[in-house]
Protein backbone atom coordinates (compact mmCIF):
# COMPACT_ATOMS: atom_id res chain seq x y z
CA PRO A 1 0.00 0.00 0.00
CA PHE A 2 1.07 3.56 -0.59
CA VAL A 3 -0.17 7.12 -0.43
CA ILE A 4 -0.14 9.52 -3.37
CA VAL A 5 -0.28 13.18 -2.38
CA CYS A 6 -1.21 15.62 -5.13
CA ASN A 7 -0.82 19.34 -4.64
CA HIS A 8 -2.51 20.39 -7.83
CA GLN A 9 -3.04 23.98 -8.94
CA ALA A 10 -6.26 23.75 -10.96
CA SER A 11 -9.20 21.40 -11.39
CA LEU A 12 -7.90 20.41 -14.82
CA ASP A 13 -4.99 18.73 -13.06
CA LEU A 14 -7.49 16.09 -11.92
CA LEU A 15 -7.85 14.88 -15.50
CA GLY A 16 -4.15 14.08 -15.70
CA MET A 17 -4.08 12.46 -12.27
CA VAL A 18 -6.93 10.12 -13.19
CA GLU A 19 -4.77 8.72 -15.98
CA VAL A 20 -1.75 7.88 -13.80
CA ILE A 21 -3.16 6.71 -10.45
CA PRO A 22 -3.64 2.96 -9.89
CA GLU A 23 -7.07 1.47 -10.58
CA ARG A 24 -7.63 0.33 -7.00
CA CYS A 25 -6.90 3.73 -5.51
CA VAL A 26 -9.09 5.25 -2.80
CA PRO A 27 -9.28 9.01 -3.38
CA ILE A 28 -9.46 11.32 -0.36
CA ALA A 29 -10.04 15.05 -0.82
CA LYS A 30 -10.71 18.13 1.24
CA ARG A 31 -14.39 18.67 1.95
CA GLU A 32 -14.36 22.09 0.27
CA LEU A 33 -14.17 20.36 -3.13
CA LEU A 34 -17.64 18.95 -2.55
CA TYR A 35 -19.08 22.45 -2.95
CA LEU A 36 -17.33 23.33 -6.24
CA GLY A 37 -20.25 22.75 -8.58
CA THR A 38 -19.49 20.24 -11.31
CA VAL A 39 -16.16 19.26 -9.76
CA GLY A 40 -17.89 18.47 -6.47
CA TRP A 41 -20.56 16.36 -8.17
CA ALA A 42 -17.92 14.47 -10.15
CA CYS A 43 -15.90 13.78 -7.01
CA TRP A 44 -18.97 12.64 -5.08
CA LEU A 45 -20.17 10.37 -7.89
CA SER A 46 -16.66 8.93 -8.24
CA GLY A 47 -16.63 7.81 -4.62
CA VAL A 48 -14.17 10.35 -3.25
CA ILE A 49 -13.94 10.29 0.54
CA PHE A 50 -14.08 13.83 1.89
CA ILE A 51 -12.29 15.06 5.00
CA ASP A 52 -12.76 18.28 6.93
CA ARG A 53 -9.26 19.66 7.36
CA ARG A 54 -10.47 22.15 9.98
CA ARG A 55 -11.46 19.26 12.26
CA ARG A 56 -8.16 17.41 12.54
CA ASP A 57 -9.39 14.62 14.85
CA ALA A 58 -12.36 13.87 12.61
CA ALA A 59 -10.12 13.85 9.51
CA ILE A 60 -7.71 11.42 11.15
CA GLY A 61 -10.67 9.21 12.10
CA VAL A 62 -11.95 9.14 8.51
CA ILE A 63 -8.50 8.25 7.19
CA SER A 64 -8.07 5.52 9.84
CA ARG A 65 -11.47 3.96 9.05
CA THR A 66 -10.66 4.09 5.34
CA ALA A 67 -7.31 2.37 5.92
CA GLY A 68 -9.04 -0.32 8.01
CA ALA A 69 -11.63 -0.95 5.30
CA MET A 70 -8.88 -1.17 2.69
CA ARG A 71 -7.05 -3.80 4.75
CA ARG A 72 -10.23 -5.83 5.37
CA GLU A 73 -11.21 -5.75 1.70
CA ASN A 74 -7.63 -6.33 0.52
CA VAL A 75 -7.56 -3.12 -1.53
CA ARG A 76 -3.99 -2.33 -2.50
């Protein structure tokens, strides 16, 4: 398992990232993206897991639960 961190500058960067990330990747994004119109809808429909970066403990909990689910379901 590994983590890919993308510090992209525009929403068009997402198109390029989709082409290079592994198929069995679990995308995690900041919650603010959910409210960016079409981008938010696309992320939500694609199964992106959103975290609230302002609530650090909650964000860590979401990431921990996601990691646990990935281990249980053998997602790598």
